Amino acid sequence: MLAILSLTPSYYLVLGALLFTIGSVGLLVRRNTLVMFMCIELMLNAVNLTFVTYANALNDIGGQVIVFFTLVVAAAEVAVGLAIIIAIFRRRQNVTADDIDLLKG
């Protein structure tokens, strides 16, 4: 049964598009900042899947290099984002996207 099914790059691209769509809908609908950061990470991983798929299909390593830099940006985004979330949580015991204006100096 598995020998009949061969996974083509289009399956991976559809999966990447589906993951990106789920992440973007979650980002627009939810107001909790932790869930919003998880949706952004889901979107970044969907883009990474697309880059790796194209790199594999085209036999080029450039897509994998871009994925490496995307992962570095995602790690920096998480570090800064969590610091902002903790700063908001210390002032109020609630963490929603509406509380970002509390950080104005």
C-alpha atoms as a PDB file:
ATOM      1  CA  MET A   1       0.000   0.000   0.000  1.00  0.00           C
ATOM      2  CA  LEU A   2       2.785   2.459   0.864  1.00  0.00           C
ATOM      3  CA  ALA A   3       4.693   1.628  -2.305  1.00  0.00           C
ATOM      4  CA  ILE A   4       1.761   2.891  -4.363  1.00  0.00           C
ATOM      5  CA  LEU A   5       1.578   6.246  -2.596  1.00  0.00           C
ATOM      6  CA  SER A   6       4.450   8.514  -3.523  1.00  0.00           C
ATOM      7  CA  LEU A   7       4.655  11.885  -1.864  1.00  0.00           C
ATOM      8  CA  THR A   8       5.233  14.654  -4.358  1.00  0.00           C
ATOM      9  CA  PRO A   9       6.237  18.210  -3.435  1.00  0.00           C
ATOM     10  CA  SER A  10       2.658  19.356  -3.978  1.00  0.00           C
ATOM     11  CA  TYR A  11       1.575  17.471  -0.841  1.00  0.00           C
ATOM     12  CA  TYR A  12       4.120  19.354   1.226  1.00  0.00           C
ATOM     13  CA  LEU A  13       3.144  22.684  -0.346  1.00  0.00           C
ATOM     14  CA  VAL A  14      -0.529  22.083   0.412  1.00  0.00           C
ATOM     15  CA  LEU A  15       0.376  21.161   4.002  1.00  0.00           C
ATOM     16  CA  GLY A  16       2.460  24.334   4.288  1.00  0.00           C
ATOM     17  CA  ALA A  17      -0.400  26.444   2.932  1.00  0.00           C
ATOM     18  CA  LEU A  18      -2.827  24.792   5.355  1.00  0.00           C
ATOM     19  CA  LEU A  19      -0.523  25.405   8.331  1.00  0.00           C
ATOM     20  CA  PHE A  20       0.017  29.027   7.269  1.00  0.00           C
ATOM     21  CA  THR A  21      -3.734  29.547   6.950  1.00  0.00           C
ATOM     22  CA  ILE A  22      -4.380  28.074  10.399  1.00  0.00           C
ATOM     23  CA  GLY A  23      -1.674  30.324  11.863  1.00  0.00           C
ATOM     24  CA  SER A  24      -2.950  33.488  10.193  1.00  0.00           C
ATOM     25  CA  VAL A  25      -6.562  32.829  11.220  1.00  0.00           C
ATOM     26  CA  GLY A  26      -5.428  32.127  14.779  1.00  0.00           C
ATOM     27  CA  LEU A  27      -3.405  35.334  14.805  1.00  0.00           C
ATOM     28  CA  LEU A  28      -6.340  37.417  13.658  1.00  0.00           C
ATOM     29  CA  VAL A  29      -8.963  35.798  15.887  1.00  0.00           C
ATOM     30  CA  ARG A  30      -7.250  35.269  19.234  1.00  0.00           C
ATOM     31  CA  ARG A  31      -6.370  38.071  21.650  1.00  0.00           C
ATOM     32  CA  ASN A  32      -4.100  36.162  24.040  1.00  0.00           C
ATOM     33  CA  THR A  33      -0.514  37.105  23.279  1.00  0.00           C
ATOM     34  CA  LEU A  34       0.881  33.636  24.004  1.00  0.00           C
ATOM     35  CA  VAL A  35      -1.512  32.094  21.497  1.00  0.00           C
ATOM     36  CA  MET A  36      -0.622  34.843  19.037  1.00  0.00           C
ATOM     37  CA  PHE A  37       3.074  34.006  19.361  1.00  0.00           C
ATOM     38  CA  MET A  38       2.317  30.325  18.812  1.00  0.00           C
ATOM     39  CA  CYS A  39       0.381  31.227  15.667  1.00  0.00           C
ATOM     40  CA  ILE A  40       3.317  33.291  14.398  1.00  0.00           C
ATOM     41  CA  GLU A  41       5.636  30.346  15.041  1.00  0.00           C
ATOM     42  CA  LEU A  42       3.226  28.078  13.155  1.00  0.00           C
ATOM     43  CA  MET A  43       3.288  30.483  10.215  1.00  0.00           C
ATOM     44  CA  LEU A  44       7.097  30.620  10.242  1.00  0.00           C
ATOM     45  CA  ASN A  45       7.300  26.825  10.302  1.00  0.00           C
ATOM     46  CA  ALA A  46       4.872  26.623   7.372  1.00  0.00           C
ATOM     47  CA  VAL A  47       7.149  28.923   5.405  1.00  0.00           C
ATOM     48  CA  ASN A  48      10.143  26.806   6.429  1.00  0.00           C
ATOM     49  CA  LEU A  49       8.376  23.702   5.120  1.00  0.00           C
ATOM     50  CA  THR A  50       7.789  25.463   1.815  1.00  0.00           C
ATOM     51  CA  PHE A  51      11.438  26.530   1.550  1.00  0.00           C
ATOM     52  CA  VAL A  52      12.675  23.016   2.299  1.00  0.00           C
ATOM     53  CA  THR A  53      10.247  21.545  -0.234  1.00  0.00           C
ATOM     54  CA  TYR A  54      11.456  23.839  -2.985  1.00  0.00           C
ATOM     55  CA  ALA A  55      15.086  23.268  -2.014  1.00  0.00           C
ATOM     56  CA  ASN A  56      14.576  19.524  -2.274  1.00  0.00           C
ATOM     57  CA  ALA A  57      12.644  19.743  -5.554  1.00  0.00           C
ATOM     58  CA  LEU A  58      15.209  22.028  -7.190  1.00  0.00           C
ATOM     59  CA  ASN A  59      18.279  20.295  -5.694  1.00  0.00           C
ATOM     60  CA  ASP A  60      19.450  23.617  -4.293  1.00  0.00           C
ATOM     61  CA  ILE A  61      20.704  24.272  -0.787  1.00  0.00           C
ATOM     62  CA  GLY A  62      19.648  27.930  -0.808  1.00  0.00           C
ATOM     63  CA  GLY A  63      16.227  27.158   0.628  1.00  0.00           C
ATOM     64  CA  GLN A  64      17.747  25.330   3.554  1.00  0.00           C
ATOM     65  CA  VAL A  65      20.055  28.267   4.263  1.00  0.00           C
ATOM     66  CA  ILE A  66      17.037  30.577   4.326  1.00  0.00           C
ATOM     67  CA  VAL A  67      15.340  28.175   6.767  1.00  0.00           C
ATOM     68  CA  PHE A  68      18.349  28.447   9.064  1.00  0.00           C
ATOM     69  CA  PHE A  69      18.077  32.245   9.128  1.00  0.00           C
ATOM     70  CA  THR A  70      14.312  32.040   9.612  1.00  0.00           C
ATOM     71  CA  LEU A  71      14.831  29.822  12.660  1.00  0.00           C
ATOM     72  CA  VAL A  72      17.321  32.335  14.069  1.00  0.00           C
ATOM     73  CA  VAL A  73      14.798  35.164  13.600  1.00  0.00           C
ATOM     74  CA  ALA A  74      12.079  33.024  15.207  1.00  0.00           C
ATOM     75  CA  ALA A  75      14.269  32.354  18.230  1.00  0.00           C
ATOM     76  CA  ALA A  76      15.012  36.065  18.634  1.00  0.00           C
ATOM     77  CA  GLU A  77      11.326  36.874  18.231  1.00  0.00           C
ATOM     78  CA  VAL A  78      10.401  34.428  20.965  1.00  0.00           C
ATOM     79  CA  ALA A  79      13.011  35.829  23.349  1.00  0.00           C
ATOM     80  CA  VAL A  80      11.910  39.435  22.872  1.00  0.00           C
ATOM     81  CA  GLY A  81       8.215  38.540  22.758  1.00  0.00           C
ATOM     82  CA  LEU A  82       8.304  36.571  25.976  1.00  0.00           C
ATOM     83  CA  ALA A  83      10.157  39.425  27.691  1.00  0.00           C
ATOM     84  CA  ILE A  84       7.381  41.806  26.634  1.00  0.00           C
ATOM     85  CA  ILE A  85       4.705  39.367  27.792  1.00  0.00           C
ATOM     86  CA  ILE A  86       6.377  39.016  31.197  1.00  0.00           C
ATOM     87  CA  ALA A  87       6.618  42.805  31.511  1.00  0.00           C
ATOM     88  CA  ILE A  88       2.891  43.117  30.830  1.00  0.00           C
ATOM     89  CA  PHE A  89       2.039  40.252  33.167  1.00  0.00           C
ATOM     90  CA  ARG A  90       3.952  41.859  36.052  1.00  0.00           C
ATOM     91  CA  ARG A  91       1.898  45.039  35.784  1.00  0.00           C
ATOM     92  CA  ARG A  92      -1.437  43.282  35.327  1.00  0.00           C
ATOM     93  CA  GLN A  93      -2.316  39.678  35.924  1.00  0.00           C
ATOM     94  CA  ASN A  94      -3.762  39.489  32.432  1.00  0.00           C
ATOM     95  CA  VAL A  95      -1.956  39.051  29.132  1.00  0.00           C
ATOM     96  CA  THR A  96      -4.006  40.191  26.156  1.00  0.00           C
ATOM     97  CA  ALA A  97      -3.038  42.123  23.071  1.00  0.00           C
ATOM     98  CA  ASP A  98      -5.065  45.077  24.315  1.00  0.00           C
ATOM     99  CA  ASP A  99      -2.645  45.539  27.227  1.00  0.00           C
ATOM    100  CA  ILE A 100       0.324  46.454  25.011  1.00  0.00           C
ATOM    101  CA  ASP A 101      -0.374  50.164  25.456  1.00  0.00           C
ATOM    102  CA  LEU A 102       0.639  49.800  29.120  1.00  0.00           C
ATOM    103  CA  LEU A 103       4.283  49.723  28.071  1.00  0.00           C
ATOM    104  CA  LYS A 104       4.247  53.323  26.826  1.00  0.00           C
ATOM    105  CA  GLY A 105       6.795  55.375  28.696  1.00  0.00           C
END
